[in-house]
Amino acid sequence: MSQLRRILSIIFMCAFALNVCAQDKVQLLERKGIKRTEKGQKIQEKITQIHEDTRSMADKYQDHLKLVDGLRVYNKMLRKQLRGQENEIAVLENSIADVAMMERQILPLISRMVDGLEQFVAIDIPFLQKERTTRVVKLRKLLERSDVTVAEKTRRVMEAYQIENEYGRTVEAYKDKLALGAASFDADFLRIGRVALIYRTVGSRQVGYWDISEAGWRTLPDVPYKRYINKGLKVAKQEVAPELVSIPLNPAQVVKR
């Protein structure tokens, strides 16, 4: 009986040893499995990171490709604009050459126009002589200035011609000095276009007109011319309503206006 117990005890001890050994192997396998799992996770994390980095690089590459395509289109547009600007520069250079040639032709022309204007003022009926002569002098000084464009010079000369042209179809009353022989008087002048230039000395002491044929002043009798001239001056100054007035052209002729 005791021998049986010993045998069972030995068998039990062997089974226990085998069980312990098996548990150790299982635990070893579990630890190895855990390590392999952790290693696999790390590898997977590296793979995931590499994938994300690769995708980011691919996205950046695509972005750069789009940028390059955009720059190509932009450069193509710039080349077209550059060709257009070069054409415009060529046209402008030709225009500048044409303008320079025109300026060389226009300047002598407007200079001759000023000469003609000066001569015309000198032989015209003597109204507003100081104003008109001063205008011609200013035009001559303007032509000598280098800081004024040819276009502005031409405009000013044409403007002076326009003013002279307007004198021929307007009625005007103004005050000025009247030189009769060696004497000088303050007078009211009545200009009817370029048809008649009539004066009345201050105080209505004397009336007269410019004789175009004789190029000199002629006096008129008070009756009836003083009344006509007084009325004409009032109409020209807009002191009375416009009406028909008789204006003397020659001592023996009266024209209705």
Protein backbone atom coordinates (compact mmCIF):
# COMPACT_ATOMS: atom_id res chain seq x y z
CA MET A 1 0.00 0.00 0.00
CA SER A 2 2.77 2.34 0.82
CA GLN A 3 4.50 1.41 -2.35
CA LEU A 4 1.36 2.34 -4.31
CA ARG A 5 1.31 5.68 -2.62
CA ARG A 6 4.88 6.28 -3.58
CA ILE A 7 4.13 5.41 -7.15
CA LEU A 8 1.11 7.72 -7.21
CA SER A 9 3.14 10.39 -5.54
CA ILE A 10 5.83 10.06 -8.21
CA ILE A 11 3.21 10.08 -10.96
CA PHE A 12 1.60 13.16 -9.40
CA MET A 13 4.92 14.92 -9.15
CA CYS A 14 5.76 14.07 -12.76
CA ALA A 15 2.38 15.33 -13.93
CA PHE A 16 2.85 18.50 -11.91
CA ALA A 17 6.29 19.02 -13.41
CA LEU A 18 4.94 18.41 -16.88
CA ASN A 19 2.10 20.89 -16.20
CA VAL A 20 4.52 23.51 -14.95
CA CYS A 21 6.73 22.98 -17.95
CA ALA A 22 3.74 23.26 -20.28
CA GLN A 23 2.60 26.48 -18.60
CA ASP A 24 6.09 27.92 -18.99
CA LYS A 25 6.06 27.08 -22.66
CA VAL A 26 2.61 28.64 -23.07
CA GLN A 27 3.71 31.79 -21.26
CA LEU A 28 6.84 31.90 -23.41
CA LEU A 29 4.74 31.52 -26.53
CA GLU A 30 2.36 34.22 -25.28
CA ARG A 31 5.26 36.62 -24.65
CA LYS A 32 6.68 35.87 -28.08
CA GLY A 33 3.22 36.41 -29.58
CA ILE A 34 2.86 39.74 -27.78
CA LYS A 35 6.30 40.83 -28.98
CA ARG A 36 5.47 39.82 -32.54
CA THR A 37 2.16 41.70 -32.27
CA GLU A 38 3.89 44.83 -30.94
CA LYS A 39 6.52 44.54 -33.65
CA GLY A 40 3.80 44.11 -36.23
CA GLN A 41 2.03 47.23 -34.92
CA LYS A 42 5.22 49.24 -35.14
CA ILE A 43 5.82 47.99 -38.66
CA GLN A 44 2.21 48.84 -39.55
CA GLU A 45 2.65 52.31 -38.08
CA LYS A 46 5.79 52.77 -40.18
CA ILE A 47 3.93 51.54 -43.26
CA THR A 48 1.04 53.91 -42.53
CA GLN A 49 3.46 56.84 -42.04
CA ILE A 50 5.29 55.99 -45.25
CA HIS A 51 1.95 55.81 -47.07
CA GLU A 52 0.87 59.17 -45.70
CA ASP A 53 4.23 60.73 -46.55
CA THR A 54 4.04 59.27 -50.04
CA ARG A 55 0.49 60.58 -50.53
CA SER A 56 1.54 64.04 -49.24
CA MET A 57 4.47 64.09 -51.63
CA ALA A 58 2.19 63.02 -54.47
CA ASP A 59 -0.27 65.81 -53.60
CA LYS A 60 2.56 68.35 -53.50
CA TYR A 61 3.83 67.04 -56.83
CA GLN A 62 0.39 67.50 -58.36
CA ASP A 63 0.20 71.00 -56.90
CA HIS A 64 3.58 71.83 -58.42
CA LEU A 65 2.45 70.44 -61.76
CA LYS A 66 -0.62 72.70 -61.66
CA LEU A 67 1.60 75.66 -60.73
CA VAL A 68 3.94 74.89 -63.60
CA ASP A 69 0.99 74.62 -66.01
CA GLY A 70 -0.35 77.95 -64.74
CA LEU A 71 3.05 79.58 -65.19
CA ARG A 72 3.27 78.24 -68.73
CA VAL A 73 -0.12 79.75 -69.58
CA TYR A 74 0.85 83.01 -67.88
CA ASN A 75 4.16 83.17 -69.74
CA LYS A 76 2.32 82.51 -73.00
CA MET A 77 -0.03 85.41 -72.29
CA LEU A 78 2.92 87.64 -71.36
CA ARG A 79 4.64 86.80 -74.62
CA LYS A 80 1.50 87.79 -76.53
CA GLN A 81 1.24 91.02 -74.55
CA LEU A 82 4.92 91.71 -75.17
CA ARG A 83 4.45 91.25 -78.91
CA GLY A 84 1.42 93.56 -78.78
CA GLN A 85 3.41 96.18 -76.85
CA GLU A 86 6.25 95.92 -79.33
CA ASN A 87 3.78 96.56 -82.15
CA GLU A 88 2.32 99.52 -80.24
CA ILE A 89 5.83 100.88 -79.66
CA ALA A 90 6.52 100.64 -83.40
CA VAL A 91 3.26 102.45 -84.17
CA LEU A 92 4.02 105.14 -81.59
CA GLU A 93 7.52 105.62 -82.94
CA ASN A 94 6.07 106.12 -86.41
CA SER A 95 3.47 108.50 -84.99
CA ILE A 96 6.16 110.47 -83.16
CA ALA A 97 8.11 110.78 -86.37
CA ASP A 98 4.96 111.96 -88.17
CA VAL A 99 4.20 114.44 -85.38
CA ALA A 100 7.73 115.81 -85.52
CA MET A 101 7.39 116.29 -89.28
CA MET A 102 3.98 117.94 -88.85
CA GLU A 103 5.38 120.24 -86.15
CA ARG A 104 8.10 121.36 -88.53
CA GLN A 105 5.37 122.24 -91.01
CA ILE A 106 2.81 123.68 -88.57
CA LEU A 107 5.10 126.08 -86.71
CA PRO A 108 5.98 128.14 -89.81
CA LEU A 109 2.30 128.10 -90.80
CA ILE A 110 1.00 129.49 -87.50
CA SER A 111 3.85 132.02 -87.48
CA ARG A 112 2.65 133.29 -90.87
CA MET A 113 -0.89 133.32 -89.50
CA VAL A 114 0.21 135.61 -86.67
CA ASP A 115 1.92 137.86 -89.22
CA GLY A 116 -1.30 137.99 -91.20
CA LEU A 117 -3.32 138.74 -88.09
CA GLU A 118 -0.99 141.60 -87.18
CA GLN A 119 -1.30 143.09 -90.66
CA PHE A 120 -5.07 142.71 -90.59
CA VAL A 121 -5.39 144.50 -87.25
CA ALA A 122 -3.21 147.31 -88.59
CA ILE A 123 -5.39 147.93 -91.67
CA ASP A 124 -8.76 147.17 -90.07
CA ILE A 125 -11.04 149.83 -88.61
CA PRO A 126 -9.40 151.02 -85.36
CA PHE A 127 -11.59 149.48 -82.66
CA LEU A 128 -10.13 148.01 -79.46
CA GLN A 129 -6.67 148.64 -80.85
CA LYS A 130 -4.81 148.12 -77.59
CA GLU A 131 -6.60 144.86 -76.80
CA ARG A 132 -6.14 143.43 -80.28
CA THR A 133 -2.50 144.51 -80.59
CA THR A 134 -1.70 143.06 -77.16
CA ARG A 135 -3.25 139.75 -78.24
CA VAL A 136 -0.93 139.60 -81.26
CA VAL A 137 2.13 140.42 -79.11
CA LYS A 138 1.21 137.66 -76.65
CA LEU A 139 0.84 135.20 -79.52
CA ARG A 140 4.34 136.03 -80.78
CA LYS A 141 5.79 135.45 -77.31
CA LEU A 142 3.84 132.20 -77.05
CA LEU A 143 5.35 130.89 -80.29
CA GLU A 144 8.84 131.42 -78.87
CA ARG A 145 8.19 129.35 -75.74
CA SER A 146 9.61 125.83 -75.68
CA ASP A 147 7.44 124.68 -72.77
CA VAL A 148 4.21 125.07 -74.77
CA THR A 149 3.14 122.34 -77.17
CA VAL A 150 2.52 122.97 -80.83
CA ALA A 151 -1.09 121.91 -80.31
CA GLU A 152 -1.60 124.61 -77.66
CA LYS A 153 0.09 127.24 -79.82
CA THR A 154 -2.16 126.29 -82.74
CA ARG A 155 -5.23 126.40 -80.53
CA ARG A 156 -4.41 129.88 -79.25
CA VAL A 157 -3.78 131.23 -82.76
CA MET A 158 -7.05 129.73 -84.04
CA GLU A 159 -8.82 131.19 -81.00
CA ALA A 160 -7.50 134.66 -81.89
CA TYR A 161 -8.77 134.24 -85.45
CA GLN A 162 -12.15 133.17 -84.10
CA ILE A 163 -12.33 136.30 -81.92
CA GLU A 164 -11.54 138.50 -84.91
CA ASN A 165 -14.16 136.67 -86.93
CA GLU A 166 -16.78 137.28 -84.22
CA TYR A 167 -16.11 141.03 -84.38
CA GLY A 168 -17.55 141.06 -87.88
CA ARG A 169 -21.01 139.98 -86.78
CA THR A 170 -21.50 141.54 -83.35
CA VAL A 171 -22.57 144.94 -82.01
CA GLU A 172 -20.51 146.40 -79.20
CA ALA A 173 -20.28 149.58 -77.11
CA TYR A 174 -17.11 150.39 -75.20
CA LYS A 175 -15.12 153.32 -73.79
CA ASP A 176 -11.69 154.31 -75.06
CA LYS A 177 -9.45 157.25 -75.89
CA LEU A 178 -10.11 159.12 -79.16
CA ALA A 179 -7.22 160.94 -80.83
CA LEU A 180 -8.31 163.83 -83.03
CA GLY A 181 -5.29 165.65 -84.35
CA ALA A 182 -3.12 166.60 -81.41
CA ALA A 183 -5.96 166.31 -78.90
CA SER A 184 -7.18 163.20 -77.07
CA PHE A 185 -10.69 162.71 -75.71
CA ASP A 186 -12.56 160.13 -73.65
CA ALA A 187 -15.28 158.73 -75.85
CA ASP A 188 -18.00 156.10 -76.14
CA PHE A 189 -17.61 153.96 -79.22
CA LEU A 190 -20.32 152.03 -81.05
CA ARG A 191 -19.12 149.24 -83.35
CA ILE A 192 -21.53 147.64 -85.80
CA GLY A 193 -19.64 144.59 -86.96
CA ARG A 194 -16.97 145.93 -89.30
CA VAL A 195 -19.49 148.06 -91.16
CA ALA A 196 -19.41 151.11 -88.91
CA LEU A 197 -17.37 152.51 -86.04
CA ILE A 198 -18.99 155.57 -84.45
CA TYR A 199 -17.91 157.69 -81.50
CA ARG A 200 -19.49 160.09 -79.05
CA THR A 201 -17.21 162.15 -76.88
CA VAL A 202 -17.89 162.17 -73.14
CA GLY A 203 -20.53 164.75 -72.40
CA SER A 204 -22.09 164.27 -75.87
CA ARG A 205 -20.28 167.35 -77.16
CA GLN A 206 -19.28 165.76 -80.46
CA VAL A 207 -20.19 162.72 -82.60
CA GLY A 208 -18.46 161.23 -85.60
CA TYR A 209 -17.46 158.04 -87.42
CA TRP A 210 -14.48 156.27 -88.99
CA ASP A 211 -14.29 156.94 -92.72
CA ILE A 212 -13.02 153.69 -94.21
CA SER A 213 -12.29 155.15 -97.62
CA GLU A 214 -10.20 158.00 -96.15
CA ALA A 215 -8.89 155.96 -93.18
CA GLY A 216 -9.64 158.80 -90.78
CA TRP A 217 -12.17 160.17 -88.28
CA ARG A 218 -14.96 162.42 -89.56
CA THR A 219 -17.32 164.49 -87.45
CA LEU A 220 -21.10 164.45 -87.90
CA PRO A 221 -23.68 167.14 -87.30
CA ASP A 222 -25.57 166.81 -84.06
CA VAL A 223 -28.93 166.69 -85.86
CA PRO A 224 -30.08 164.04 -86.45
CA TYR A 225 -27.04 161.82 -85.83
CA LYS A 226 -26.55 162.42 -82.11
CA ARG A 227 -30.00 161.04 -81.34
CA TYR A 228 -29.39 157.98 -83.51
CA ILE A 229 -26.00 157.32 -81.96
CA ASN A 230 -27.30 157.74 -78.41
CA LYS A 231 -30.04 155.21 -79.12
CA GLY A 232 -27.57 152.81 -80.76
CA LEU A 233 -25.25 152.97 -77.73
CA LYS A 234 -28.13 152.19 -75.37
CA VAL A 235 -29.20 149.22 -77.46
CA ALA A 236 -25.60 147.91 -77.60
CA LYS A 237 -25.25 148.31 -73.81
CA GLN A 238 -28.62 146.54 -73.36
CA GLU A 239 -29.95 149.55 -71.49
CA VAL A 240 -33.10 149.52 -73.67
CA ALA A 241 -34.93 146.81 -75.56
CA PRO A 242 -33.54 145.99 -79.03
CA GLU A 243 -35.10 148.10 -81.75
CA LEU A 244 -34.36 149.47 -85.19
CA VAL A 245 -31.95 152.39 -85.13
CA SER A 246 -30.48 154.49 -87.91
CA ILE A 247 -26.69 154.39 -88.11
CA PRO A 248 -24.64 156.70 -90.33
CA LEU A 249 -22.12 155.05 -92.64
CA ASN A 250 -21.16 158.20 -94.55
CA PRO A 251 -22.10 161.85 -94.00
CA ALA A 252 -24.69 161.65 -96.75
CA GLN A 253 -25.98 158.11 -96.08
CA VAL A 254 -28.00 156.53 -93.27
CA VAL A 255 -28.50 152.76 -93.01
CA LYS A 256 -31.32 151.26 -90.95
CA ARG A 257 -30.46 148.48 -88.51
